[in-house]
Amino acid sequence: MSLALFRTFKFTAGLRGLSAPKTTSLTMARFIITTKHVKNSNGIRIEPGMRVEVITQTMSNPVITNGGQVVADAFMRIYGIDIKKAGCLNMVELDVQKA
């Protein structure tokens, strides 16, 4: 009988928790990264105006955060080029705008 009371208590406690749900907000930032200059390096040609759009969970600059891996992946996915290998994954070669 005590087991049945425990189950009932556990069930009602679960219902009480559902009546006041916690709200969490998830902030995502969208950045547009555009190349500024013409560059030929390691067999890779970068043209000015090449742009990618990345969405991150942080509000900080995606070129600097985590070694710019999100930006490098976006350029590989869109243009098929490795901007790390070309030496263009820096703020001198890229313009970052928060959209």
Protein backbone atom coordinates (compact mmCIF):
# COMPACT_ATOMS: atom_id res chain seq x y z
CA MET A 1 0.00 0.00 0.00
CA SER A 2 2.83 2.40 0.69
CA LEU A 3 4.14 1.82 -2.84
CA ALA A 4 0.80 2.91 -4.30
CA LEU A 5 0.87 6.11 -2.22
CA PHE A 6 4.40 6.85 -3.45
CA ARG A 7 3.34 6.45 -7.07
CA THR A 8 0.35 8.72 -6.54
CA PHE A 9 2.50 11.38 -4.90
CA LYS A 10 5.09 11.17 -7.65
CA PHE A 11 2.39 11.52 -10.31
CA THR A 12 0.76 14.56 -8.70
CA ALA A 13 4.16 16.19 -8.16
CA GLY A 14 4.81 15.78 -11.87
CA LEU A 15 1.52 17.47 -12.71
CA ARG A 16 2.27 20.31 -10.38
CA GLY A 17 5.59 20.82 -12.20
CA LEU A 18 3.80 21.02 -15.57
CA SER A 19 1.52 23.84 -14.46
CA ALA A 20 4.46 26.25 -14.12
CA PRO A 21 6.88 25.51 -16.98
CA LYS A 22 10.25 27.16 -17.09
CA THR A 23 10.81 29.42 -20.05
CA THR A 24 14.23 29.63 -21.57
CA SER A 25 15.17 31.87 -24.41
CA LEU A 26 17.66 30.82 -27.04
CA THR A 27 19.49 33.69 -28.69
CA MET A 28 20.98 33.11 -32.11
CA ALA A 29 22.94 35.62 -34.15
CA ARG A 30 23.17 35.89 -37.93
CA PHE A 31 26.35 37.18 -39.53
CA ILE A 32 27.18 37.97 -43.15
CA ILE A 33 30.86 37.50 -43.95
CA THR A 34 32.21 39.05 -47.17
CA THR A 35 35.69 38.90 -48.68
CA LYS A 36 37.37 42.28 -49.26
CA HIS A 37 40.36 41.66 -51.57
CA VAL A 38 41.58 39.55 -54.46
CA LYS A 39 44.03 36.94 -53.24
CA ASN A 40 45.82 34.02 -54.90
CA SER A 41 47.40 31.71 -52.38
CA ASN A 42 48.14 27.96 -52.37
CA GLY A 43 46.25 27.49 -55.63
CA ILE A 44 43.10 29.11 -54.23
CA ARG A 45 41.69 32.31 -55.71
CA ILE A 46 39.61 34.58 -53.51
CA GLU A 47 37.55 37.31 -55.20
CA PRO A 48 36.14 40.38 -53.47
CA GLY A 49 32.43 40.13 -52.75
CA MET A 50 32.30 36.40 -52.02
CA ARG A 51 29.88 36.17 -49.13
CA VAL A 52 28.47 33.57 -46.80
CA GLU A 53 25.86 33.73 -44.08
CA VAL A 54 26.38 31.95 -40.77
CA ILE A 55 24.12 31.56 -37.77
CA THR A 56 25.76 31.09 -34.39
CA GLN A 57 24.57 30.58 -30.84
CA THR A 58 26.89 33.29 -29.57
CA MET A 59 26.81 37.00 -30.20
CA SER A 60 30.58 37.21 -30.72
CA ASN A 61 32.45 37.48 -34.02
CA PRO A 62 32.43 34.06 -35.79
CA VAL A 63 35.78 34.73 -37.52
CA ILE A 64 37.51 34.91 -34.13
CA THR A 65 35.40 32.41 -32.18
CA ASN A 66 36.63 28.77 -32.28
CA GLY A 67 39.28 29.58 -34.85
CA GLY A 68 36.65 30.62 -37.40
CA GLN A 69 35.61 27.03 -38.05
CA VAL A 70 31.96 27.99 -38.72
CA VAL A 71 33.08 30.52 -41.36
CA ALA A 72 35.56 28.09 -42.94
CA ASP A 73 32.85 25.43 -43.16
CA ALA A 74 30.44 27.90 -44.78
CA PHE A 75 32.98 28.88 -47.47
CA MET A 76 33.72 25.21 -48.12
CA ARG A 77 30.02 24.40 -48.40
CA ILE A 78 29.10 27.36 -50.67
CA TYR A 79 32.23 27.89 -52.81
CA GLY A 80 34.24 24.70 -52.29
CA ILE A 81 37.33 26.63 -51.12
CA ASP A 82 39.39 26.32 -47.96
CA ILE A 83 39.94 29.88 -46.74
CA LYS A 84 42.19 28.67 -43.94
CA LYS A 85 44.55 27.17 -46.49
CA ALA A 86 44.38 30.40 -48.52
CA GLY A 87 45.27 32.41 -45.41
CA CYS A 88 42.12 34.51 -45.58
CA LEU A 89 40.50 33.58 -42.30
CA ASN A 90 41.21 36.90 -40.56
CA MET A 91 39.65 40.30 -40.08
CA VAL A 92 41.96 41.96 -42.63
CA GLU A 93 40.57 39.88 -45.50
CA LEU A 94 36.97 39.46 -44.28
CA ASP A 95 34.21 41.94 -43.49
CA VAL A 96 31.77 40.79 -40.80
CA GLN A 97 28.32 42.34 -40.49
CA LYS A 98 25.70 41.35 -37.99
CA ALA A 99 22.40 40.94 -39.81
